[in-house]
C-alpha atoms as a PDB file:
ATOM      1  CA  MET A   1      19.089   7.412 -29.898  1.00  0.00           C
ATOM      2  CA  GLN A   2      17.957   4.134 -31.440  1.00  0.00           C
ATOM      3  CA  TYR A   3      15.371   1.844 -29.845  1.00  0.00           C
ATOM      4  CA  ARG A   4      18.017  -0.801 -29.118  1.00  0.00           C
ATOM      5  CA  GLU A   5      20.042   1.733 -27.125  1.00  0.00           C
ATOM      6  CA  TYR A   6      16.871   2.830 -25.314  1.00  0.00           C
ATOM      7  CA  THR A   7      16.023  -0.744 -24.274  1.00  0.00           C
ATOM      8  CA  ASP A   8      19.562  -1.145 -22.954  1.00  0.00           C
ATOM      9  CA  ILE A   9      19.102   1.985 -20.801  1.00  0.00           C
ATOM     10  CA  ILE A  10      15.789   0.874 -19.287  1.00  0.00           C
ATOM     11  CA  ARG A  11      16.661  -2.767 -18.633  1.00  0.00           C
ATOM     12  CA  PRO A  12      16.948  -3.797 -14.940  1.00  0.00           C
ATOM     13  CA  LYS A  13      20.705  -3.638 -14.556  1.00  0.00           C
ATOM     14  CA  THR A  14      22.596  -2.832 -11.359  1.00  0.00           C
ATOM     15  CA  SER A  15      22.946   0.891 -12.083  1.00  0.00           C
ATOM     16  CA  ASN A  16      19.192   1.230 -12.671  1.00  0.00           C
ATOM     17  CA  LEU A  17      18.373  -0.632  -9.453  1.00  0.00           C
ATOM     18  CA  ILE A  18      20.672   1.701  -7.548  1.00  0.00           C
ATOM     19  CA  LEU A  19      18.997   4.666  -9.275  1.00  0.00           C
ATOM     20  CA  CYS A  20      15.504   3.511  -8.253  1.00  0.00           C
ATOM     21  CA  PHE A  21      16.414   2.967  -4.621  1.00  0.00           C
ATOM     22  CA  GLY A  22      18.351   6.224  -4.649  1.00  0.00           C
ATOM     23  CA  ILE A  23      15.197   8.043  -5.796  1.00  0.00           C
ATOM     24  CA  ILE A  24      13.268   6.432  -2.928  1.00  0.00           C
ATOM     25  CA  LEU A  25      15.843   7.648  -0.398  1.00  0.00           C
ATOM     26  CA  LEU A  26      15.918  11.105  -1.946  1.00  0.00           C
ATOM     27  CA  LEU A  27      12.134  11.503  -1.839  1.00  0.00           C
ATOM     28  CA  TRP A  28      11.471   9.952   1.567  1.00  0.00           C
ATOM     29  CA  ILE A  29      14.302  10.689   3.997  1.00  0.00           C
ATOM     30  CA  GLY A  30      13.691  13.730   6.160  1.00  0.00           C
ATOM     31  CA  ILE A  31      10.481  14.860   4.459  1.00  0.00           C
ATOM     32  CA  ILE A  32       7.841  13.883   6.987  1.00  0.00           C
ATOM     33  CA  PRO A  33       7.589  16.801   9.409  1.00  0.00           C
ATOM     34  CA  ASP A  34       5.155  16.402  12.297  1.00  0.00           C
ATOM     35  CA  ASN A  35       2.727  19.011  10.975  1.00  0.00           C
ATOM     36  CA  THR A  36       2.001  17.022   7.805  1.00  0.00           C
ATOM     37  CA  ILE A  37       1.236  13.696   9.457  1.00  0.00           C
ATOM     38  CA  ILE A  38      -2.496  13.094   9.551  1.00  0.00           C
ATOM     39  CA  PRO A  39      -3.620  12.145  13.073  1.00  0.00           C
ATOM     40  CA  VAL A  40      -4.892   8.625  13.544  1.00  0.00           C
ATOM     41  CA  GLU A  41      -8.284  10.014  14.577  1.00  0.00           C
ATOM     42  CA  SER A  42      -8.822  11.624  11.156  1.00  0.00           C
ATOM     43  CA  LEU A  43      -8.147   8.520   9.069  1.00  0.00           C
ATOM     44  CA  VAL A  44      -9.844   8.227   5.727  1.00  0.00           C
ATOM     45  CA  MET A  45     -10.118   4.488   6.308  1.00  0.00           C
ATOM     46  CA  ASN A  46     -13.929   4.245   6.448  1.00  0.00           C
ATOM     47  CA  ASN A  47     -13.755   2.258   9.713  1.00  0.00           C
ATOM     48  CA  SER A  48     -11.447  -0.327   8.164  1.00  0.00           C
ATOM     49  CA  PRO A  49     -11.101  -3.136  10.748  1.00  0.00           C
ATOM     50  CA  LEU A  50      -7.487  -3.890   9.866  1.00  0.00           C
ATOM     51  CA  ALA A  51      -6.605  -0.195   9.959  1.00  0.00           C
ATOM     52  CA  PHE A  52      -8.159  -0.103  13.445  1.00  0.00           C
ATOM     53  CA  VAL A  53      -6.049  -3.065  14.592  1.00  0.00           C
ATOM     54  CA  LEU A  54      -2.879  -1.456  13.263  1.00  0.00           C
ATOM     55  CA  SER A  55      -3.724   1.883  14.879  1.00  0.00           C
ATOM     56  CA  GLN A  56      -4.136   0.150  18.251  1.00  0.00           C
ATOM     57  CA  ASN A  57      -0.827  -1.666  18.101  1.00  0.00           C
ATOM     58  CA  MET A  58       1.574   0.756  16.428  1.00  0.00           C
ATOM     59  CA  ASP A  59       2.930   4.178  17.276  1.00  0.00           C
ATOM     60  CA  PHE A  60       2.539   5.826  13.900  1.00  0.00           C
ATOM     61  CA  LEU A  61       4.189   9.054  14.976  1.00  0.00           C
ATOM     62  CA  SER A  62       7.380   7.306  16.060  1.00  0.00           C
ATOM     63  CA  PHE A  63      10.633   7.841  14.210  1.00  0.00           C
ATOM     64  CA  PRO A  64      11.086   4.190  13.047  1.00  0.00           C
ATOM     65  CA  PHE A  65       7.569   4.090  11.631  1.00  0.00           C
ATOM     66  CA  ASN A  66       8.336   6.935   9.213  1.00  0.00           C
ATOM     67  CA  PHE A  67      10.679   4.584   7.367  1.00  0.00           C
ATOM     68  CA  LEU A  68       8.249   1.667   7.011  1.00  0.00           C
ATOM     69  CA  PRO A  69       6.437   3.137   3.976  1.00  0.00           C
ATOM     70  CA  MET A  70       9.812   3.738   2.333  1.00  0.00           C
ATOM     71  CA  VAL A  71      10.887   0.137   2.963  1.00  0.00           C
ATOM     72  CA  LEU A  72       7.583  -1.237   1.652  1.00  0.00           C
ATOM     73  CA  LEU A  73       7.863   0.982  -1.413  1.00  0.00           C
ATOM     74  CA  GLY A  74      11.310  -0.443  -2.104  1.00  0.00           C
ATOM     75  CA  LEU A  75      10.038  -4.013  -1.795  1.00  0.00           C
ATOM     76  CA  ILE A  76       7.103  -3.327  -4.127  1.00  0.00           C
ATOM     77  CA  SER A  77       9.414  -1.702  -6.667  1.00  0.00           C
ATOM     78  CA  TYR A  78      11.715  -4.719  -6.633  1.00  0.00           C
ATOM     79  CA  PHE A  79       8.710  -7.009  -7.013  1.00  0.00           C
ATOM     80  CA  LEU A  80       7.464  -4.984  -9.991  1.00  0.00           C
ATOM     81  CA  ILE A  81      10.780  -5.567 -11.734  1.00  0.00           C
ATOM     82  CA  TRP A  82      10.814  -9.262 -10.874  1.00  0.00           C
ATOM     83  CA  PHE A  83       7.151  -9.635 -11.855  1.00  0.00           C
ATOM     84  CA  ASN A  84       7.830  -8.610 -15.455  1.00  0.00           C
ATOM     85  CA  GLU A  85      11.005 -10.694 -15.553  1.00  0.00           C
ATOM     86  CA  ASP A  86       8.984 -13.821 -14.784  1.00  0.00           C
ATOM     87  CA  TYR A  87       5.721 -13.143 -16.624  1.00  0.00           C
ATOM     88  CA  SER A  88       6.837 -10.925 -19.525  1.00  0.00           C
ATOM     89  CA  PHE A  89       3.972  -8.422 -19.604  1.00  0.00           C
ATOM     90  CA  ILE A  90       6.360  -6.175 -21.498  1.00  0.00           C
ATOM     91  CA  SER A  91       8.112  -7.449 -24.608  1.00  0.00           C
ATOM     92  CA  VAL A  92      11.478  -6.115 -23.375  1.00  0.00           C
ATOM     93  CA  ARG A  93      13.121  -6.179 -19.966  1.00  0.00           C
ATOM     94  CA  SER A  94      12.193  -2.866 -18.397  1.00  0.00           C
ATOM     95  CA  ILE A  95      12.528  -1.008 -15.134  1.00  0.00           C
ATOM     96  CA  LEU A  96       9.958   1.623 -16.127  1.00  0.00           C
ATOM     97  CA  PRO A  97       6.951   0.208 -14.167  1.00  0.00           C
ATOM     98  CA  ALA A  98       8.959   0.490 -10.943  1.00  0.00           C
ATOM     99  CA  PHE A  99      10.283   3.918 -12.003  1.00  0.00           C
ATOM    100  CA  PHE A 100       6.779   5.305 -12.540  1.00  0.00           C
ATOM    101  CA  PHE A 101       5.426   3.713  -9.355  1.00  0.00           C
ATOM    102  CA  ILE A 102       8.228   5.065  -7.167  1.00  0.00           C
ATOM    103  CA  ILE A 103       7.918   8.638  -8.393  1.00  0.00           C
ATOM    104  CA  ILE A 104       4.113   8.911  -8.581  1.00  0.00           C
ATOM    105  CA  SER A 105       3.336   7.181  -5.269  1.00  0.00           C
ATOM    106  CA  SER A 106       6.127   9.009  -3.436  1.00  0.00           C
ATOM    107  CA  LEU A 107       5.040  12.431  -4.614  1.00  0.00           C
ATOM    108  CA  LEU A 108       1.351  11.828  -3.878  1.00  0.00           C
ATOM    109  CA  PHE A 109       1.483   9.951  -0.574  1.00  0.00           C
ATOM    110  CA  ARG A 110       4.793  10.625   1.173  1.00  0.00           C
ATOM    111  CA  PRO A 111       3.652  13.155   3.830  1.00  0.00           C
ATOM    112  CA  TYR A 112       0.903  10.973   5.258  1.00  0.00           C
ATOM    113  CA  ALA A 113       2.615   8.511   7.569  1.00  0.00           C
ATOM    114  CA  PHE A 114      -0.210   6.262   8.747  1.00  0.00           C
ATOM    115  CA  ILE A 115      -2.290   6.420   5.575  1.00  0.00           C
ATOM    116  CA  THR A 116       0.811   5.906   3.442  1.00  0.00           C
ATOM    117  CA  PHE A 117       1.646   2.775   5.412  1.00  0.00           C
ATOM    118  CA  ILE A 118      -1.894   1.431   5.025  1.00  0.00           C
ATOM    119  CA  VAL A 119      -2.217   2.118   1.305  1.00  0.00           C
ATOM    120  CA  ILE A 120       1.235   0.779   0.443  1.00  0.00           C
ATOM    121  CA  LEU A 121       0.507  -2.316   2.527  1.00  0.00           C
ATOM    122  CA  LEU A 122      -2.736  -2.656   0.584  1.00  0.00           C
ATOM    123  CA  VAL A 123      -0.879  -2.429  -2.731  1.00  0.00           C
ATOM    124  CA  PHE A 124       1.491  -5.092  -1.403  1.00  0.00           C
ATOM    125  CA  PHE A 125      -1.458  -7.467  -0.921  1.00  0.00           C
ATOM    126  CA  ILE A 126      -2.745  -6.593  -4.397  1.00  0.00           C
ATOM    127  CA  ILE A 127       0.647  -7.437  -5.909  1.00  0.00           C
ATOM    128  CA  PHE A 128       0.860 -10.810  -4.207  1.00  0.00           C
ATOM    129  CA  SER A 129      -2.726 -11.486  -5.281  1.00  0.00           C
ATOM    130  CA  CYS A 130      -1.580 -10.859  -8.851  1.00  0.00           C
ATOM    131  CA  PHE A 131       1.392 -13.182  -8.282  1.00  0.00           C
ATOM    132  CA  HIS A 132      -0.875 -16.063  -7.296  1.00  0.00           C
ATOM    133  CA  LEU A 133      -3.282 -15.144 -10.101  1.00  0.00           C
ATOM    134  CA  TYR A 134      -0.525 -15.522 -12.701  1.00  0.00           C
ATOM    135  CA  GLU A 135       0.934 -18.747 -11.329  1.00  0.00           C
ATOM    136  CA  ASN A 136       0.766 -21.556 -13.841  1.00  0.00           C
ATOM    137  CA  PRO A 137      -2.839 -22.764 -13.497  1.00  0.00           C
ATOM    138  CA  SER A 138      -1.961 -26.133 -15.004  1.00  0.00           C
ATOM    139  CA  GLY A 139       0.172 -26.868 -11.948  1.00  0.00           C
ATOM    140  CA  SER A 140      -2.181 -26.433  -8.975  1.00  0.00           C
ATOM    141  CA  PRO A 141      -5.106 -24.134  -9.828  1.00  0.00           C
ATOM    142  CA  SER A 142      -6.937 -24.842  -6.559  1.00  0.00           C
ATOM    143  CA  VAL A 143      -3.984 -23.669  -4.481  1.00  0.00           C
ATOM    144  CA  SER A 144      -3.511 -20.665  -6.750  1.00  0.00           C
ATOM    145  CA  LEU A 145      -7.142 -19.590  -6.406  1.00  0.00           C
ATOM    146  CA  PHE A 146      -7.179 -20.245  -2.651  1.00  0.00           C
ATOM    147  CA  ASN A 147      -4.134 -18.010  -2.184  1.00  0.00           C
ATOM    148  CA  THR A 148      -5.603 -15.350  -4.469  1.00  0.00           C
ATOM    149  CA  GLY A 149      -8.878 -15.420  -2.530  1.00  0.00           C
ATOM    150  CA  LEU A 150      -7.015 -15.271   0.784  1.00  0.00           C
ATOM    151  CA  LEU A 151      -5.017 -12.182  -0.184  1.00  0.00           C
ATOM    152  CA  LEU A 152      -8.014 -10.532  -1.810  1.00  0.00           C
ATOM    153  CA  GLY A 153      -9.967 -11.169   1.410  1.00  0.00           C
ATOM    154  CA  VAL A 154      -7.311  -9.338   3.415  1.00  0.00           C
ATOM    155  CA  THR A 155      -7.426  -6.522   0.869  1.00  0.00           C
ATOM    156  CA  THR A 156     -11.203  -6.122   1.220  1.00  0.00           C
ATOM    157  CA  LEU A 157     -10.752  -5.611   4.971  1.00  0.00           C
ATOM    158  CA  PHE A 158      -8.985  -2.382   4.013  1.00  0.00           C
ATOM    159  CA  SER A 159     -11.262  -1.429   1.122  1.00  0.00           C
ATOM    160  CA  LEU A 160     -14.691  -2.880   0.371  1.00  0.00           C
ATOM    161  CA  SER A 161     -14.454  -1.633  -3.208  1.00  0.00           C
ATOM    162  CA  CYS A 162     -11.875  -4.363  -3.815  1.00  0.00           C
ATOM    163  CA  PHE A 163     -14.736  -6.887  -3.800  1.00  0.00           C
ATOM    164  CA  SER A 164     -15.296  -5.730  -7.377  1.00  0.00           C
ATOM    165  CA  TYR A 165     -12.082  -7.522  -8.429  1.00  0.00           C
ATOM    166  CA  ILE A 166     -13.677 -10.888  -7.648  1.00  0.00           C
ATOM    167  CA  LEU A 167     -15.623 -10.908 -10.916  1.00  0.00           C
ATOM    168  CA  LEU A 168     -12.486 -10.004 -12.894  1.00  0.00           C
ATOM    169  CA  LEU A 169     -10.573 -12.869 -11.311  1.00  0.00           C
ATOM    170  CA  ILE A 170     -13.329 -15.389 -12.001  1.00  0.00           C
ATOM    171  CA  VAL A 171     -13.684 -14.242 -15.632  1.00  0.00           C
ATOM    172  CA  TYR A 172      -9.907 -14.451 -16.146  1.00  0.00           C
ATOM    173  CA  TYR A 173      -9.685 -18.017 -14.845  1.00  0.00           C
ATOM    174  CA  TYR A 174     -12.700 -18.973 -16.937  1.00  0.00           C
ATOM    175  CA  ARG A 175     -11.000 -17.631 -20.065  1.00  0.00           C
ATOM    176  CA  ILE A 176      -7.817 -19.600 -19.430  1.00  0.00           C
ATOM    177  CA  LYS A 177      -9.939 -22.711 -18.740  1.00  0.00           C
ATOM    178  CA  ALA A 178      -8.788 -23.060 -15.130  1.00  0.00           C
ATOM    179  CA  LEU A 179     -12.181 -22.504 -13.491  1.00  0.00           C
ATOM    180  CA  SER A 180     -14.141 -25.451 -12.149  1.00  0.00           C
ATOM    181  CA  LEU A 181     -16.379 -26.108  -9.168  1.00  0.00           C
ATOM    182  CA  LYS A 182     -13.335 -27.238  -7.160  1.00  0.00           C
ATOM    183  CA  THR A 183     -11.224 -24.156  -7.945  1.00  0.00           C
ATOM    184  CA  PHE A 184     -14.189 -21.823  -7.428  1.00  0.00           C
ATOM    185  CA  LEU A 185     -14.841 -23.280  -3.968  1.00  0.00           C
ATOM    186  CA  ALA A 186     -11.123 -22.975  -3.178  1.00  0.00           C
ATOM    187  CA  PHE A 187     -11.288 -19.295  -4.104  1.00  0.00           C
ATOM    188  CA  ILE A 188     -14.364 -18.701  -1.902  1.00  0.00           C
ATOM    189  CA  MET A 189     -12.750 -20.546   1.013  1.00  0.00           C
ATOM    190  CA  GLY A 190      -9.633 -18.399   0.706  1.00  0.00           C
ATOM    191  CA  LEU A 191     -11.802 -15.276   0.610  1.00  0.00           C
ATOM    192  CA  MET A 192     -13.619 -16.316   3.806  1.00  0.00           C
ATOM    193  CA  VAL A 193     -10.561 -17.111   5.943  1.00  0.00           C
ATOM    194  CA  PRO A 194      -9.593 -13.477   6.789  1.00  0.00           C
ATOM    195  CA  TYR A 195     -13.206 -12.720   7.708  1.00  0.00           C
ATOM    196  CA  LEU A 196     -13.473 -15.726  10.022  1.00  0.00           C
ATOM    197  CA  TYR A 197     -10.360 -14.626  11.899  1.00  0.00           C
ATOM    198  CA  THR A 198     -11.498 -10.999  11.950  1.00  0.00           C
ATOM    199  CA  ILE A 199     -15.009 -11.792  13.207  1.00  0.00           C
ATOM    200  CA  GLY A 200     -13.604 -14.052  15.924  1.00  0.00           C
ATOM    201  CA  GLY A 201     -10.985 -11.544  17.025  1.00  0.00           C
ATOM    202  CA  PHE A 202     -13.369  -8.588  17.092  1.00  0.00           C
ATOM    203  CA  TYR A 203     -16.057 -10.594  18.892  1.00  0.00           C
ATOM    204  CA  PHE A 204     -13.767 -11.651  21.736  1.00  0.00           C
ATOM    205  CA  THR A 205     -12.364  -8.109  22.109  1.00  0.00           C
ATOM    206  CA  GLY A 206     -15.812  -6.488  22.123  1.00  0.00           C
ATOM    207  CA  ASN A 207     -15.321  -4.550  18.876  1.00  0.00           C
ATOM    208  CA  ILE A 208     -17.747  -6.475  16.671  1.00  0.00           C
ATOM    209  CA  THR A 209     -19.807  -3.292  16.035  1.00  0.00           C
ATOM    210  CA  LEU A 210     -16.790  -1.783  14.250  1.00  0.00           C
ATOM    211  CA  LEU A 211     -16.933  -4.559  11.685  1.00  0.00           C
ATOM    212  CA  GLY A 212     -20.637  -3.892  11.137  1.00  0.00           C
ATOM    213  CA  ASN A 213     -19.977  -0.160  10.712  1.00  0.00           C
ATOM    214  CA  TYR A 214     -17.342  -0.977   8.109  1.00  0.00           C
ATOM    215  CA  PHE A 215     -19.994  -2.528   5.857  1.00  0.00           C
ATOM    216  CA  THR A 216     -22.870  -0.145   6.592  1.00  0.00           C
ATOM    217  CA  ASN A 217     -20.808   3.025   6.120  1.00  0.00           C
ATOM    218  CA  TRP A 218     -19.451   2.100   2.686  1.00  0.00           C
ATOM    219  CA  HIS A 219     -21.166   3.990  -0.106  1.00  0.00           C
ATOM    220  CA  VAL A 220     -20.704   5.262  -3.651  1.00  0.00           C
ATOM    221  CA  GLY A 221     -21.460   8.926  -4.226  1.00  0.00           C
ATOM    222  CA  GLY A 222     -23.108  11.286  -1.794  1.00  0.00           C
ATOM    223  CA  GLY A 223     -19.831  12.368  -0.266  1.00  0.00           C
ATOM    224  CA  VAL A 224     -16.949  14.629  -1.196  1.00  0.00           C
ATOM    225  CA  SER A 225     -15.529  13.559  -4.539  1.00  0.00           C
ATOM    226  CA  LEU A 226     -11.858  12.939  -5.147  1.00  0.00           C
ATOM    227  CA  TRP A 227     -11.532  16.148  -7.128  1.00  0.00           C
ATOM    228  CA  HIS A 228     -12.703  18.239  -4.162  1.00  0.00           C
ATOM    229  CA  GLN A 229     -10.146  16.533  -1.917  1.00  0.00           C
ATOM    230  CA  LEU A 230      -7.174  17.359  -4.148  1.00  0.00           C
ATOM    231  CA  SER A 231      -5.325  20.644  -3.915  1.00  0.00           C
ATOM    232  CA  ASP A 232      -4.773  22.580  -7.137  1.00  0.00           C
ATOM    233  CA  SER A 233      -1.162  21.522  -7.683  1.00  0.00           C
ATOM    234  CA  THR A 234      -1.968  17.895  -6.820  1.00  0.00           C
ATOM    235  CA  LEU A 235      -4.905  17.980  -9.214  1.00  0.00           C
ATOM    236  CA  VAL A 236      -2.657  19.250 -12.020  1.00  0.00           C
ATOM    237  CA  TYR A 237      -0.098  16.508 -11.353  1.00  0.00           C
ATOM    238  CA  VAL A 238      -2.782  13.804 -11.226  1.00  0.00           C
ATOM    239  CA  GLY A 239      -4.153  15.224 -14.485  1.00  0.00           C
ATOM    240  CA  VAL A 240      -0.753  14.867 -16.171  1.00  0.00           C
ATOM    241  CA  VAL A 241      -0.452  11.268 -14.983  1.00  0.00           C
ATOM    242  CA  ALA A 242      -4.026  10.585 -16.141  1.00  0.00           C
ATOM    243  CA  LEU A 243      -3.295  11.898 -19.653  1.00  0.00           C
ATOM    244  CA  LEU A 244      -0.160   9.757 -19.900  1.00  0.00           C
ATOM    245  CA  THR A 245      -2.154   6.740 -18.732  1.00  0.00           C
ATOM    246  CA  ILE A 246      -4.843   7.361 -21.365  1.00  0.00           C
ATOM    247  CA  PHE A 247      -2.087   7.425 -23.994  1.00  0.00           C
ATOM    248  CA  SER A 248      -0.779   4.136 -22.556  1.00  0.00           C
ATOM    249  CA  LEU A 249      -4.222   2.512 -22.707  1.00  0.00           C
ATOM    250  CA  VAL A 250      -4.583   3.445 -26.369  1.00  0.00           C
ATOM    251  CA  ARG A 251      -1.085   2.203 -27.087  1.00  0.00           C
ATOM    252  CA  ILE A 252      -1.699  -1.106 -25.292  1.00  0.00           C
ATOM    253  CA  PHE A 253      -4.950  -1.577 -27.212  1.00  0.00           C
ATOM    254  CA  PHE A 254      -3.102  -1.373 -30.517  1.00  0.00           C
ATOM    255  CA  MET A 255      -0.246  -3.573 -29.253  1.00  0.00           C
ATOM    256  CA  SER A 256      -2.617  -6.304 -28.086  1.00  0.00           C
ATOM    257  CA  SER A 257      -3.163  -7.582 -31.639  1.00  0.00           C
ATOM    258  CA  HIS A 258       0.537  -8.506 -31.784  1.00  0.00           C
ATOM    259  CA  GLN A 259       0.629 -10.328 -28.440  1.00  0.00           C
ATOM    260  CA  THR A 260       0.187 -14.015 -27.747  1.00  0.00           C
ATOM    261  CA  ILE A 261      -3.220 -15.037 -26.402  1.00  0.00           C
ATOM    262  CA  LYS A 262      -1.797 -15.603 -22.899  1.00  0.00           C
ATOM    263  CA  ASN A 263      -0.013 -12.244 -22.749  1.00  0.00           C
ATOM    264  CA  ARG A 264      -3.066 -10.464 -24.138  1.00  0.00           C
ATOM    265  CA  GLN A 265      -5.309 -12.008 -21.474  1.00  0.00           C
ATOM    266  CA  GLU A 266      -2.873 -11.019 -18.727  1.00  0.00           C
ATOM    267  CA  SER A 267      -2.543  -7.466 -20.015  1.00  0.00           C
ATOM    268  CA  MET A 268      -6.302  -7.071 -20.408  1.00  0.00           C
ATOM    269  CA  PHE A 269      -6.850  -8.206 -16.817  1.00  0.00           C
ATOM    270  CA  LEU A 270      -4.639  -5.342 -15.592  1.00  0.00           C
ATOM    271  CA  VAL A 271      -6.379  -2.906 -17.955  1.00  0.00           C
ATOM    272  CA  HIS A 272      -9.839  -3.952 -16.755  1.00  0.00           C
ATOM    273  CA  ALA A 273      -8.756  -3.800 -13.102  1.00  0.00           C
ATOM    274  CA  PHE A 274      -7.445  -0.276 -13.673  1.00  0.00           C
ATOM    275  CA  LEU A 275     -10.620   0.873 -15.430  1.00  0.00           C
ATOM    276  CA  LEU A 276     -12.788  -0.621 -12.692  1.00  0.00           C
ATOM    277  CA  THR A 277     -10.750   1.195 -10.032  1.00  0.00           C
ATOM    278  CA  VAL A 278     -11.071   4.476 -11.916  1.00  0.00           C
ATOM    279  CA  ILE A 279     -14.851   4.025 -12.145  1.00  0.00           C
ATOM    280  CA  PHE A 280     -15.091   3.748  -8.350  1.00  0.00           C
ATOM    281  CA  LEU A 281     -12.860   6.812  -7.995  1.00  0.00           C
ATOM    282  CA  LEU A 282     -15.031   8.858 -10.330  1.00  0.00           C
ATOM    283  CA  LEU A 283     -18.225   7.692  -8.612  1.00  0.00           C
ATOM    284  CA  GLY A 284     -16.861   8.898  -5.276  1.00  0.00           C
ATOM    285  CA  ALA A 285     -16.572   5.626  -3.328  1.00  0.00           C
ATOM    286  CA  SER A 286     -16.161   6.216   0.394  1.00  0.00           C
ATOM    287  CA  ASP A 287     -12.751   4.492   0.338  1.00  0.00           C
ATOM    288  CA  THR A 288     -11.419   6.752  -2.406  1.00  0.00           C
ATOM    289  CA  PHE A 289      -8.096   7.457  -0.730  1.00  0.00           C
ATOM    290  CA  ILE A 290      -7.345   3.733  -0.537  1.00  0.00           C
ATOM    291  CA  LEU A 291      -8.340   3.147  -4.154  1.00  0.00           C
ATOM    292  CA  LEU A 292      -6.050   5.893  -5.451  1.00  0.00           C
ATOM    293  CA  PRO A 293      -2.767   4.039  -4.726  1.00  0.00           C
ATOM    294  CA  ILE A 294      -4.215   0.892  -6.318  1.00  0.00           C
ATOM    295  CA  ALA A 295      -4.914   2.971  -9.424  1.00  0.00           C
ATOM    296  CA  VAL A 296      -1.338   4.320  -9.271  1.00  0.00           C
ATOM    297  CA  PHE A 297       0.062   0.797  -9.057  1.00  0.00           C
ATOM    298  CA  LEU A 298      -1.972  -0.443 -12.026  1.00  0.00           C
ATOM    299  CA  ALA A 299      -1.261   2.733 -14.013  1.00  0.00           C
ATOM    300  CA  SER A 300       2.477   2.218 -13.422  1.00  0.00           C
ATOM    301  CA  PHE A 301       2.242  -1.166 -15.145  1.00  0.00           C
ATOM    302  CA  LEU A 302       0.375   0.357 -18.078  1.00  0.00           C
ATOM    303  CA  LEU A 303       2.778   3.293 -18.344  1.00  0.00           C
ATOM    304  CA  GLY A 304       5.779   0.982 -18.160  1.00  0.00           C
ATOM    305  CA  GLN A 305       4.380  -1.266 -20.872  1.00  0.00           C
ATOM    306  CA  ALA A 306       3.528   1.575 -23.253  1.00  0.00           C
ATOM    307  CA  PHE A 307       6.735   3.559 -22.749  1.00  0.00           C
ATOM    308  CA  SER A 308       8.933   0.477 -23.138  1.00  0.00           C
ATOM    309  CA  SER A 309       7.389  -0.645 -26.419  1.00  0.00           C
ATOM    310  CA  GLU A 310       9.011   1.998 -28.636  1.00  0.00           C
ATOM    311  CA  TYR A 311      11.148   5.112 -28.583  1.00  0.00           C
ATOM    312  CA  ASN A 312      10.081   7.939 -30.861  1.00  0.00           C
ATOM    313  CA  LEU A 313       9.401  11.683 -30.704  1.00  0.00           C
ATOM    314  CA  VAL A 314       6.045  11.225 -28.951  1.00  0.00           C
ATOM    315  CA  ILE A 315       7.590   9.037 -26.237  1.00  0.00           C
ATOM    316  CA  LYS A 316      10.397  11.548 -25.746  1.00  0.00           C
ATOM    317  CA  ILE A 317       7.954  14.453 -25.353  1.00  0.00           C
ATOM    318  CA  LEU A 318       5.670  12.568 -22.954  1.00  0.00           C
ATOM    319  CA  LEU A 319       8.576  11.336 -20.836  1.00  0.00           C
ATOM    320  CA  GLY A 320       9.858  14.904 -20.702  1.00  0.00           C
ATOM    321  CA  ILE A 321       6.447  16.168 -19.591  1.00  0.00           C
ATOM    322  CA  PHE A 322       6.302  13.541 -16.851  1.00  0.00           C
ATOM    323  CA  ILE A 323       9.772  14.322 -15.532  1.00  0.00           C
ATOM    324  CA  VAL A 324       9.269  18.103 -15.620  1.00  0.00           C
ATOM    325  CA  SER A 325       5.849  17.907 -13.921  1.00  0.00           C
ATOM    326  CA  SER A 326       7.251  15.578 -11.243  1.00  0.00           C
ATOM    327  CA  VAL A 327      10.161  17.907 -10.519  1.00  0.00           C
ATOM    328  CA  LEU A 328       7.835  20.931 -10.320  1.00  0.00           C
ATOM    329  CA  PHE A 329       5.471  19.092  -7.981  1.00  0.00           C
ATOM    330  CA  LEU A 330       8.443  18.084  -5.831  1.00  0.00           C
ATOM    331  CA  ILE A 331       9.625  21.696  -5.607  1.00  0.00           C
ATOM    332  CA  PHE A 332       6.161  23.237  -5.155  1.00  0.00           C
ATOM    333  CA  PRO A 333       4.099  20.633  -3.275  1.00  0.00           C
ATOM    334  CA  ASP A 334       0.668  21.291  -1.816  1.00  0.00           C
ATOM    335  CA  TYR A 335      -0.606  18.537   0.451  1.00  0.00           C
ATOM    336  CA  ASN A 336      -3.614  20.245   1.987  1.00  0.00           C
ATOM    337  CA  TRP A 337      -5.967  17.409   1.237  1.00  0.00           C
ATOM    338  CA  GLU A 338      -9.380  17.753   2.811  1.00  0.00           C
ATOM    339  CA  VAL A 339      -9.289  14.568   4.852  1.00  0.00           C
END
């Protein structure tokens, strides 16, 4: 098969869209038995205030709720395809970022109803943050940074580790010459809005101590690391994905010299965000389980970019390894995470 034929196969045509949503249905429908759903009381949410609000207002063990993660996953997958169509992170039109995200996130998180909903919702906020980040800064940079700060603020109410993305965002806007005192203040104002609403709501409902616990209980290290939380088969599958992602990072590094300055800056932002997330995972941040799907989302972009750039023997072998390992993990799952 020639590269031109390969790019025709992976482009976002109707048959590929149907395939992606068919994979979602295949992996999610009828696979959430009651004995695999983690009780709300044992959440690995580190006293997340927004997770608390959701847990008080939703019946997470209800039948309709089991389909919400699947619906959100479908929306994110569609957005991943549209995102590259508009911003051209990948030199060719490709469905691979959505393909990788659907399979990896479904296999890792599908049995955990409440946590799956939270983490996929979190990824949804991350994606829309990226959307506002990559809006044309020459149009209305203040609005763009306000919206980015607003969505990032909501994200940090699920995971305090996401505060680390603030520096990446500021550096990116500085590099594209869109940062000024006005846009910086707009970003800070957007970041503060979710906290003002949260503090007010928790104060009037008598739950303000929960918000304080959210900040005081966050830590890096000292707890159970990610590797002790993963079962053996899950650890092997994560290891395969990690090796493929390392290959993608190396590939993207060599491709960057052939990109335009704008595309290189955009790609490097995603690379740096991924590496920063991995650092917090390795250090054992207390919100590890929430950071893992963010890492999966960012890795899916990197995998899609690397595996769409060429089609040779190495790509064929690595794609084969990914597909075989995913099928084996689907047939022989082990979801006994120590949560």
